[in-house]
Amino acid sequence: MSFNILLIQLVLFSCVFSLVRRPRLPQGWIAVSSGILAVLGITVLLIPDLAGWISGGLWGLLVLLPLLGFTQVNRLFYQERYQAARRLSLGLRWLHPADGWWEYPDILRGLELGQQGRMAEAETILNHYGASSRPTGRIATALLYRLGARWDELLFWIRRNWSEELIVQDAVLGMYYLRSLGETGDLNGLIQGLEQFEHRLEKSNDGISLNLVRMIAFAFSGHPDQVRQFFHSSSLGIYSRDVRQFWIATAELAAGHEAAREQLQTLQHRCEPATRNAIEWRLTHPLPNPRRELTPLSRQILAQLETTIQQETRYGGHMTGASPKPYATYALIGLNLVVFGLEIALGGSENLDTLYRMGALVPEDVLAGEWWRLIAATFLHYGVVHLLANMLGLWILGGFVERTLGIGKFLLCYFFSGIGSMVAITILGILANVPDLIGVGASGAIMGLLGVMAAILLKGWRREKARLRPNDCDWWC
């Protein structure tokens, strides 16, 4: 199967998938998908040999690149590198200016100014967007309170303006609400609110947000070891060293270890202004004693949560949202390399007789009952360039998909895409009356992973719609 045909399939699948989910997607994505699909249809009719390249190029520029780019913006945000995040988003917003993306650099500029201690200028920018009724306005208002560590005012604002039902449904409001409860001393409110909020996050498959809200609950409940585990074994490890130390010291302080106060004072001298304000609040507002304050119900919820995390670690191999090494991806790359070595040893990777003996796809042979060729052909490659191109794609895409979906679902996607592409070649070969063509390579599987990655990123973006990041917690910690 040519790369042009694979690109046509990828673009067709991705755009149709977006249009099918039209009621749940912002209008900007609908317009982009419809436009690319129209270009695909026109080029298939007029210049079919270039249809995949043209429509695939547009798809990469207007869909994949913005999604990957804003994922990197999120990463920079986690690390509190607001200036770098803003500069990157300035370029990205031109690729997809609809659905609120145009505002992101300005909000990041406000955070950058706050980080530099220019709080008045930061407040001017965030207040401007805070007047908006869009989700961006809620984010800007919450960020404004967070920069100044004005947790009591934030709690009052949320309770005054939003219903309890909306607080649970909106992850940004919900997590700001829960943290405000902890910061203002309502420990039982935090723990019992977490139980409701957890169900919402589990349904949305938002592992980072789920880990964050769990970590904060354990911090205010005085469990420093559990907090360390979250930063060591889950996706929260991406946060800056100062943020990690702040929450570990918070947990130590809640556990009654007064030495943590000195740690916070030391951290206060070197951290950025927002964290400095958070430390000032922490030092001037004593935390409640969990041993005295927690009710039996709250203790039961925490105990159940600890059990849940232990099960996730034991049976899932890592905590929810963690990023383990993509061992299945490495194994597939290794297997492809071993098979390529056998090709060379048995006669050469560009020798058609050798490829045929090892299981290359031939439509007439598949129809004759040699179904095993559908699998074997995905591990064979014609020449070094073919192998390296596919292995590079597998290394880049496979790690992302495996970390997100887990080994089982990743392998299912890989083999379903690879075997599916071989079935498609078989059908096309018969319909085109070329039953003796030979097909090899993992290209179909790689293109399938590319489509899965795009779907994952699009789902994350769609879940937050006009928010900067795919996970609600990004604005939060």
Protein backbone atom coordinates (compact mmCIF):
# COMPACT_ATOMS: atom_id res chain seq x y z
CA MET A 1 0.00 0.00 0.00
CA SER A 2 1.43 3.39 -1.00
CA PHE A 3 1.98 6.14 1.52
CA ASN A 4 -0.45 8.29 -0.48
CA ILE A 5 -3.28 5.80 0.11
CA LEU A 6 -2.41 5.49 3.80
CA LEU A 7 -2.61 9.26 4.17
CA ILE A 8 -5.99 9.29 2.43
CA GLN A 9 -7.27 6.69 4.88
CA LEU A 10 -5.88 8.58 7.87
CA VAL A 11 -7.38 11.92 6.83
CA LEU A 12 -10.72 10.34 5.95
CA PHE A 13 -10.94 8.52 9.29
CA SER A 14 -9.89 11.53 11.36
CA CYS A 15 -12.22 14.03 9.68
CA VAL A 16 -15.22 11.72 9.60
CA PHE A 17 -14.59 10.90 13.27
CA SER A 18 -14.69 14.63 14.06
CA LEU A 19 -17.88 15.21 12.12
CA VAL A 20 -19.61 12.24 13.74
CA ARG A 21 -18.82 13.79 17.13
CA ARG A 22 -19.98 17.19 15.89
CA PRO A 23 -22.40 17.99 18.77
CA ARG A 24 -19.52 17.64 21.26
CA LEU A 25 -16.87 19.60 19.36
CA PRO A 26 -16.27 23.37 19.08
CA GLN A 27 -17.18 24.95 15.75
CA GLY A 28 -13.56 25.66 14.86
CA TRP A 29 -12.73 21.96 14.72
CA ILE A 30 -15.85 21.24 12.69
CA ALA A 31 -14.87 23.89 10.13
CA VAL A 32 -11.30 22.58 9.88
CA SER A 33 -12.39 18.95 9.50
CA SER A 34 -15.03 19.85 6.91
CA GLY A 35 -12.55 21.91 4.91
CA ILE A 36 -9.89 19.20 4.89
CA LEU A 37 -12.49 16.59 3.92
CA ALA A 38 -13.61 18.81 1.02
CA VAL A 39 -10.01 19.20 -0.17
CA LEU A 40 -9.56 15.44 0.06
CA GLY A 41 -12.64 14.82 -2.08
CA ILE A 42 -11.61 17.33 -4.75
CA THR A 43 -8.02 16.09 -4.98
CA VAL A 44 -9.10 12.44 -5.15
CA LEU A 45 -11.18 13.33 -8.21
CA LEU A 46 -8.66 15.63 -9.92
CA ILE A 47 -5.17 14.48 -8.82
CA PRO A 48 -5.55 11.13 -6.99
CA ASP A 49 -1.80 10.47 -6.90
CA LEU A 50 -1.31 13.59 -4.76
CA ALA A 51 -4.57 13.54 -2.82
CA GLY A 52 -3.08 11.96 0.27
CA TRP A 53 -0.06 14.24 0.33
CA ILE A 54 -2.11 17.42 -0.04
CA SER A 55 -4.91 16.56 2.39
CA GLY A 56 -2.42 14.92 4.77
CA GLY A 57 -0.32 18.06 4.76
CA LEU A 58 -3.33 20.19 5.65
CA TRP A 59 -4.35 17.72 8.36
CA GLY A 60 -0.86 17.79 9.87
CA LEU A 61 -0.73 21.60 9.75
CA LEU A 62 -4.23 22.41 11.00
CA VAL A 63 -4.98 19.44 13.29
CA LEU A 64 -1.94 17.48 14.43
CA LEU A 65 0.54 20.35 14.78
CA PRO A 66 -1.78 22.55 16.91
CA LEU A 67 -2.64 19.63 19.18
CA LEU A 68 1.00 18.63 19.66
CA GLY A 69 2.03 22.25 20.04
CA PHE A 70 -0.44 23.05 22.77
CA THR A 71 0.51 19.82 24.52
CA GLN A 72 4.02 21.27 24.68
CA VAL A 73 2.56 24.58 25.91
CA ASN A 74 0.94 22.62 28.74
CA ARG A 75 4.25 20.98 29.58
CA LEU A 76 5.96 24.36 29.79
CA PHE A 77 3.09 25.59 31.94
CA TYR A 78 3.57 22.70 34.38
CA GLN A 79 7.21 23.68 34.69
CA GLU A 80 6.22 27.34 35.26
CA ARG A 81 8.11 28.40 32.13
CA TYR A 82 5.41 30.89 31.24
CA GLN A 83 7.52 32.99 28.89
CA ALA A 84 8.44 29.99 26.71
CA ALA A 85 4.82 28.80 26.76
CA ARG A 86 3.59 32.21 25.68
CA ARG A 87 6.06 32.48 22.81
CA LEU A 88 5.09 29.05 21.50
CA SER A 89 1.37 29.78 21.77
CA LEU A 90 1.82 33.06 19.87
CA GLY A 91 2.76 31.06 16.77
CA LEU A 92 0.31 28.24 17.30
CA ARG A 93 -2.75 30.45 17.59
CA TRP A 94 -2.40 31.47 13.93
CA LEU A 95 -2.89 27.83 12.90
CA HIS A 96 -6.17 27.52 14.79
CA PRO A 97 -7.46 30.93 15.91
CA ALA A 98 -11.04 29.81 16.61
CA ASP A 99 -12.60 28.53 19.84
CA GLY A 100 -10.76 30.88 22.19
CA TRP A 101 -7.17 29.95 21.35
CA TRP A 102 -6.38 33.54 20.44
CA GLU A 103 -6.57 34.59 24.10
CA TYR A 104 -4.06 32.11 25.53
CA PRO A 105 -0.86 34.14 25.02
CA ASP A 106 -2.38 37.10 26.88
CA ILE A 107 -3.31 34.94 29.87
CA LEU A 108 0.16 33.41 29.85
CA ARG A 109 1.58 36.94 29.72
CA GLY A 110 -0.36 37.71 32.88
CA LEU A 111 1.19 34.69 34.60
CA GLU A 112 4.62 35.65 33.33
CA LEU A 113 4.25 39.14 34.82
CA GLY A 114 3.02 37.67 38.09
CA GLN A 115 6.04 35.37 38.16
CA GLN A 116 8.29 38.40 37.75
CA GLY A 117 6.60 40.14 40.68
CA ARG A 118 4.76 42.67 38.51
CA MET A 119 1.47 41.85 40.15
CA ALA A 120 -0.36 45.05 39.22
CA GLU A 121 0.25 44.48 35.50
CA ALA A 122 -0.70 40.81 35.84
CA GLU A 123 -3.96 41.73 37.57
CA THR A 124 -4.78 44.22 34.80
CA ILE A 125 -4.53 41.49 32.13
CA LEU A 126 -6.39 38.83 34.10
CA ASN A 127 -9.10 41.25 35.21
CA HIS A 128 -9.73 42.07 31.55
CA TYR A 129 -10.51 38.44 30.74
CA GLY A 130 -12.22 37.87 34.07
CA ALA A 131 -15.05 40.09 32.91
CA SER A 132 -15.87 37.59 30.15
CA SER A 133 -18.66 35.04 30.61
CA ARG A 134 -16.71 32.44 28.62
CA PRO A 135 -14.75 29.62 30.34
CA THR A 136 -11.64 31.73 29.78
CA GLY A 137 -13.15 34.34 32.08
CA ARG A 138 -13.62 31.84 34.89
CA ILE A 139 -10.03 30.67 34.47
CA ALA A 140 -8.68 34.23 34.51
CA THR A 141 -10.64 35.08 37.68
CA ALA A 142 -9.47 31.93 39.44
CA LEU A 143 -5.87 32.60 38.40
CA LEU A 144 -6.11 36.10 39.77
CA TYR A 145 -7.10 34.78 43.20
CA ARG A 146 -4.44 32.07 42.99
CA LEU A 147 -1.61 34.52 42.22
CA GLY A 148 -2.36 36.38 45.42
CA ALA A 149 -3.18 33.23 47.44
CA ARG A 150 -6.54 34.79 48.28
CA TRP A 151 -8.19 31.48 49.05
CA ASP A 152 -10.98 32.80 51.25
CA GLU A 153 -12.01 35.25 48.53
CA LEU A 154 -11.83 32.50 45.90
CA LEU A 155 -14.06 30.24 47.98
CA PHE A 156 -16.58 33.05 48.46
CA TRP A 157 -16.55 33.86 44.72
CA ILE A 158 -17.20 30.24 43.72
CA ARG A 159 -20.00 29.76 46.26
CA ARG A 160 -21.66 33.04 45.34
CA ASN A 161 -21.59 32.61 41.57
CA TRP A 162 -21.86 28.89 40.84
CA SER A 163 -24.27 26.14 41.82
CA GLU A 164 -23.08 22.98 43.55
CA GLU A 165 -24.02 20.95 40.49
CA LEU A 166 -21.87 23.10 38.19
CA ILE A 167 -18.94 22.98 40.62
CA VAL A 168 -18.94 19.17 40.38
CA GLN A 169 -19.36 19.18 36.59
CA ASP A 170 -16.75 21.86 35.84
CA ALA A 171 -13.34 20.44 36.71
CA VAL A 172 -11.64 23.85 36.96
CA LEU A 173 -14.19 25.19 39.41
CA GLY A 174 -14.32 21.89 41.27
CA MET A 175 -10.62 21.68 41.90
CA TYR A 176 -10.28 25.31 42.85
CA TYR A 177 -13.19 24.79 45.22
CA LEU A 178 -11.61 21.73 46.85
CA ARG A 179 -8.25 23.40 47.30
CA SER A 180 -9.93 26.48 48.77
CA LEU A 181 -11.65 24.26 51.32
CA GLY A 182 -8.31 22.79 52.35
CA GLU A 183 -6.60 26.19 52.46
CA THR A 184 -9.33 27.66 54.66
CA GLY A 185 -9.36 24.74 57.10
CA ASP A 186 -12.46 22.79 56.02
CA LEU A 187 -10.67 19.45 55.90
CA ASN A 188 -13.80 17.30 56.02
CA GLY A 189 -15.38 19.37 53.27
CA LEU A 190 -12.30 18.73 51.12
CA ILE A 191 -12.23 14.96 51.71
CA GLN A 192 -15.96 14.41 51.27
CA GLY A 193 -16.08 16.71 48.25
CA LEU A 194 -13.21 14.73 46.75
CA GLU A 195 -15.31 11.57 46.75
CA GLN A 196 -17.91 13.19 44.48
CA PHE A 197 -15.33 14.86 42.29
CA GLU A 198 -13.36 11.63 41.83
CA HIS A 199 -16.28 9.97 40.06
CA ARG A 200 -16.41 12.81 37.55
CA LEU A 201 -12.67 12.65 36.83
CA GLU A 202 -12.64 8.86 36.52
CA LYS A 203 -15.34 9.05 33.86
CA SER A 204 -13.39 11.67 31.91
CA ASN A 205 -10.16 9.61 32.08
CA ASP A 206 -8.37 12.73 33.34
CA GLY A 207 -5.50 11.05 35.18
CA ILE A 208 -3.43 14.15 35.92
CA SER A 209 -6.32 16.06 37.48
CA LEU A 210 -7.32 12.98 39.45
CA ASN A 211 -3.81 12.55 40.83
CA LEU A 212 -3.56 16.23 41.68
CA VAL A 213 -6.78 16.43 43.68
CA ARG A 214 -5.90 13.19 45.48
CA MET A 215 -2.43 14.52 46.31
CA ILE A 216 -3.84 17.75 47.75
CA ALA A 217 -6.26 15.80 49.92
CA PHE A 218 -3.42 13.69 51.32
CA ALA A 219 -1.26 16.79 51.84
CA PHE A 220 -3.85 18.59 53.97
CA SER A 221 -4.53 15.31 55.80
CA GLY A 222 -0.88 15.01 56.86
CA HIS A 223 0.40 12.11 54.68
CA PRO A 224 3.83 13.27 53.42
CA ASP A 225 4.90 9.80 52.24
CA GLN A 226 1.81 9.51 50.07
CA VAL A 227 2.45 12.98 48.63
CA ARG A 228 6.03 11.99 47.78
CA GLN A 229 4.70 8.87 46.05
CA PHE A 230 2.42 10.97 43.87
CA PHE A 231 5.29 13.16 42.70
CA HIS A 232 7.59 10.17 42.22
CA SER A 233 5.26 7.60 40.65
CA SER A 234 2.60 9.56 38.79
CA SER A 235 2.27 12.24 36.12
CA LEU A 236 2.65 14.93 38.80
CA GLY A 237 6.41 14.50 38.58
CA ILE A 238 6.39 17.06 35.79
CA TYR A 239 5.81 19.89 38.26
CA SER A 240 8.71 22.10 39.28
CA ARG A 241 10.91 21.29 42.25
CA ASP A 242 9.55 24.27 44.19
CA VAL A 243 5.95 23.12 43.73
CA ARG A 244 6.85 19.58 44.85
CA GLN A 245 8.68 20.86 47.93
CA PHE A 246 5.79 23.17 48.78
CA TRP A 247 3.28 20.32 48.90
CA ILE A 248 5.58 17.91 50.72
CA ALA A 249 6.25 20.57 53.35
CA THR A 250 2.50 21.22 53.58
CA ALA A 251 1.92 17.54 54.31
CA GLU A 252 4.71 17.53 56.89
CA LEU A 253 3.24 20.59 58.57
CA ALA A 254 -0.24 19.05 58.64
CA ALA A 255 1.30 15.96 60.24
CA GLY A 256 2.65 18.14 63.07
CA HIS A 257 6.30 18.32 61.96
CA GLU A 258 7.27 21.89 62.79
CA ALA A 259 10.58 21.54 60.94
CA ALA A 260 8.52 21.91 57.76
CA ARG A 261 7.92 25.54 58.69
CA GLU A 262 11.64 26.22 58.30
CA GLN A 263 11.62 24.42 54.95
CA LEU A 264 8.84 26.67 53.74
CA GLN A 265 10.65 29.76 54.97
CA THR A 266 13.79 28.69 53.09
CA LEU A 267 11.78 27.99 49.95
CA GLN A 268 10.06 31.36 50.26
CA HIS A 269 13.33 33.22 49.66
CA ARG A 270 14.03 31.62 46.28
CA CYS A 271 10.64 30.82 44.69
CA GLU A 272 8.54 32.92 42.32
CA PRO A 273 5.98 35.39 43.72
CA ALA A 274 2.86 33.21 43.35
CA THR A 275 4.43 30.37 45.33
CA ARG A 276 5.82 32.92 47.77
CA ASN A 277 2.29 34.20 48.38
CA ALA A 278 1.06 30.63 48.85
CA ILE A 279 3.79 30.04 51.44
CA GLU A 280 2.93 33.28 53.22
CA TRP A 281 -0.67 32.11 53.46
CA ARG A 282 0.45 28.72 54.72
CA LEU A 283 2.65 30.21 57.45
CA THR A 284 0.01 32.67 58.64
CA HIS A 285 -3.00 30.34 58.53
CA PRO A 286 -2.42 27.27 60.74
CA LEU A 287 -3.55 23.98 59.27
CA PRO A 288 -6.15 21.97 61.20
CA ASN A 289 -4.93 18.88 63.05
CA PRO A 290 -6.18 15.90 60.98
CA ARG A 291 -6.18 13.60 64.00
CA ARG A 292 -8.71 15.83 65.73
CA GLU A 293 -10.65 17.24 62.78
CA LEU A 294 -11.28 14.24 60.51
CA THR A 295 -14.64 12.58 61.02
CA PRO A 296 -15.07 8.79 60.78
CA LEU A 297 -16.55 9.23 57.30
CA SER A 298 -13.55 11.27 56.12
CA ARG A 299 -11.14 8.69 57.57
CA GLN A 300 -13.04 5.95 55.76
CA ILE A 301 -12.81 7.83 52.44
CA LEU A 302 -9.05 8.34 52.85
CA ALA A 303 -8.51 4.68 53.77
CA GLN A 304 -10.47 3.57 50.72
CA LEU A 305 -8.47 5.95 48.55
CA GLU A 306 -5.20 4.50 49.82
CA THR A 307 -6.45 1.01 48.96
CA THR A 308 -7.47 2.17 45.49
CA ILE A 309 -4.05 3.68 44.83
CA GLN A 310 -2.32 0.49 46.01
CA GLN A 311 -4.45 -1.54 43.62
CA GLU A 312 -3.69 0.81 40.74
CA THR A 313 0.01 0.49 41.47
CA ARG A 314 -0.11 -3.29 41.87
CA TYR A 315 -2.34 -4.21 38.95
CA GLY A 316 -1.82 -1.29 36.61
CA GLY A 317 1.92 -1.12 37.09
CA HIS A 318 1.74 2.57 37.96
CA MET A 319 -0.56 5.15 39.49
CA THR A 320 -3.29 6.67 37.37
CA GLY A 321 -1.85 9.03 34.80
CA ALA A 322 1.75 7.94 35.34
CA SER A 323 4.18 7.76 32.44
CA PRO A 324 6.10 4.47 32.63
CA LYS A 325 8.61 3.47 29.99
CA PRO A 326 6.89 2.18 26.82
CA TYR A 327 8.18 -1.37 27.06
CA ALA A 328 5.73 -2.76 24.49
CA THR A 329 6.91 -0.16 21.96
CA TYR A 330 10.53 -1.11 22.60
CA ALA A 331 9.62 -4.80 22.23
CA LEU A 332 7.92 -4.21 18.88
CA ILE A 333 10.91 -2.23 17.60
CA GLY A 334 13.23 -5.02 18.76
CA LEU A 335 11.08 -7.68 17.09
CA ASN A 336 11.08 -5.76 13.80
CA LEU A 337 14.86 -5.45 13.96
CA VAL A 338 15.26 -9.18 14.64
CA VAL A 339 13.02 -10.06 11.69
CA PHE A 340 14.97 -7.64 9.48
CA GLY A 341 18.17 -9.37 10.51
CA LEU A 342 16.63 -12.70 9.48
CA GLU A 343 15.67 -11.21 6.11
CA ILE A 344 19.30 -10.30 5.48
CA ALA A 345 20.56 -13.69 6.67
CA LEU A 346 18.09 -15.61 4.47
CA GLY A 347 18.78 -13.77 1.24
CA GLY A 348 18.35 -10.00 1.59
CA SER A 349 15.68 -7.55 2.61
CA GLU A 350 15.06 -6.50 -1.00
CA ASN A 351 14.87 -10.04 -2.33
CA LEU A 352 11.23 -10.74 -3.21
CA ASP A 353 11.65 -14.51 -2.94
CA THR A 354 13.03 -14.11 0.59
CA LEU A 355 10.19 -11.78 1.58
CA TYR A 356 7.65 -14.20 0.12
CA ARG A 357 9.06 -17.18 2.02
CA MET A 358 9.01 -15.19 5.27
CA GLY A 359 5.36 -14.21 4.93
CA ALA A 360 4.95 -11.21 2.63
CA LEU A 361 1.33 -10.43 1.82
CA VAL A 362 0.06 -11.79 -1.49
CA PRO A 363 -3.72 -11.37 -1.93
CA GLU A 364 -4.30 -14.61 -3.82
CA ASP A 365 -2.37 -16.59 -1.19
CA VAL A 366 -4.36 -14.98 1.63
CA LEU A 367 -7.60 -15.92 -0.10
CA ALA A 368 -6.23 -19.42 -0.54
CA GLY A 369 -6.08 -19.78 3.23
CA GLU A 370 -2.67 -18.40 4.23
CA TRP A 371 -4.15 -15.90 6.71
CA TRP A 372 -0.96 -15.85 8.77
CA ARG A 373 0.56 -13.57 6.12
CA LEU A 374 -1.68 -10.74 7.38
CA ILE A 375 0.38 -10.70 10.58
CA ALA A 376 3.79 -11.76 9.28
CA ALA A 377 3.84 -9.09 6.59
CA THR A 378 3.58 -6.32 9.19
CA PHE A 379 7.04 -7.30 10.53
CA LEU A 380 8.78 -7.46 7.13
CA HIS A 381 10.42 -4.45 5.47
CA TYR A 382 11.80 -3.77 2.01
CA GLY A 383 15.21 -2.22 2.58
CA VAL A 384 16.87 -0.21 5.33
CA VAL A 385 15.13 3.08 4.51
CA HIS A 386 11.70 1.44 4.78
CA LEU A 387 12.63 -0.10 8.13
CA LEU A 388 14.13 3.07 9.63
CA ALA A 389 11.20 5.24 8.57
CA ASN A 390 8.69 2.91 10.18
CA MET A 391 10.73 2.35 13.35
CA LEU A 392 11.16 6.10 13.79
CA GLY A 393 7.40 6.52 13.51
CA LEU A 394 6.81 3.66 15.96
CA TRP A 395 9.27 5.12 18.46
CA ILE A 396 7.66 8.59 18.32
CA LEU A 397 4.00 7.57 18.21
CA GLY A 398 4.09 4.29 20.08
CA GLY A 399 5.43 5.72 23.31
CA PHE A 400 2.70 8.35 23.48
CA VAL A 401 -0.14 5.93 22.73
CA GLU A 402 1.19 3.23 25.07
CA ARG A 403 1.60 5.64 28.00
CA THR A 404 -1.90 6.98 27.46
CA LEU A 405 -3.84 3.78 26.81
CA GLY A 406 -1.73 1.16 28.54
CA ILE A 407 0.02 -1.86 27.03
CA GLY A 408 -3.09 -3.92 26.28
CA LYS A 409 -5.02 -1.25 24.39
CA PHE A 410 -1.84 -0.06 22.66
CA LEU A 411 -1.11 -3.53 21.28
CA LEU A 412 -4.74 -3.92 20.24
CA CYS A 413 -4.56 -0.63 18.29
CA TYR A 414 -1.22 -1.57 16.73
CA PHE A 415 -2.23 -5.01 15.48
CA PHE A 416 -5.75 -3.98 14.53
CA SER A 417 -4.32 -1.17 12.36
CA GLY A 418 -1.54 -3.32 10.92
CA ILE A 419 -3.70 -6.32 10.10
CA GLY A 420 -6.53 -4.06 8.96
CA SER A 421 -4.26 -2.35 6.45
CA MET A 422 -3.14 -5.76 5.13
CA VAL A 423 -6.79 -6.81 4.74
CA ALA A 424 -7.40 -3.57 2.83
CA ILE A 425 -4.44 -4.33 0.53
CA THR A 426 -5.83 -7.81 -0.08
CA ILE A 427 -9.26 -6.47 -1.01
CA LEU A 428 -7.83 -3.71 -3.22
CA GLY A 429 -5.52 -6.20 -4.92
CA ILE A 430 -8.41 -8.45 -5.81
CA LEU A 431 -10.68 -5.59 -6.91
CA ALA A 432 -7.88 -4.07 -9.01
CA ASN A 433 -7.15 -7.48 -10.51
CA VAL A 434 -3.59 -7.54 -9.14
CA PRO A 435 -3.81 -10.69 -7.00
CA ASP A 436 -0.06 -11.38 -7.08
CA LEU A 437 1.18 -8.03 -5.66
CA ILE A 438 3.47 -8.23 -2.63
CA GLY A 439 2.91 -6.09 0.46
CA VAL A 440 5.18 -5.71 3.49
CA GLY A 441 5.78 -3.19 6.28
CA ALA A 442 4.41 -1.72 9.49
CA SER A 443 3.21 1.45 7.75
CA GLY A 444 -0.46 0.60 8.28
CA ALA A 445 0.10 0.05 12.00
CA ILE A 446 2.07 3.31 12.25
CA MET A 447 -0.65 5.27 10.47
CA GLY A 448 -3.19 3.69 12.80
CA LEU A 449 -1.19 4.87 15.82
CA LEU A 450 -1.04 8.34 14.32
CA GLY A 451 -4.81 8.37 14.05
CA VAL A 452 -5.18 7.09 17.61
CA MET A 453 -2.81 9.76 18.90
CA ALA A 454 -4.78 12.46 17.10
CA ALA A 455 -8.01 11.09 18.58
CA ILE A 456 -6.48 11.10 22.08
CA LEU A 457 -5.27 14.67 21.76
CA LEU A 458 -8.53 15.82 20.21
CA LYS A 459 -10.53 14.16 22.97
CA GLY A 460 -8.40 15.88 25.62
CA TRP A 461 -8.74 19.24 23.91
CA ARG A 462 -12.46 18.78 23.33
CA ARG A 463 -13.01 17.91 26.99
CA GLU A 464 -11.74 21.32 28.00
CA LYS A 465 -12.89 23.16 24.86
CA ALA A 466 -11.62 26.73 25.16
CA ARG A 467 -9.13 26.00 27.92
CA LEU A 468 -5.42 26.13 27.37
CA ARG A 469 -4.61 22.60 28.34
CA PRO A 470 -6.00 19.12 28.03
CA ASN A 471 -6.14 18.61 31.79
CA ASP A 472 -7.96 20.89 34.18
CA CYS A 473 -5.23 20.88 36.79
CA ASP A 474 -2.75 22.75 34.63
CA TRP A 475 -3.97 26.12 35.85
CA TRP A 476 -4.33 24.95 39.33
CA CYS A 477 -1.32 23.92 41.29
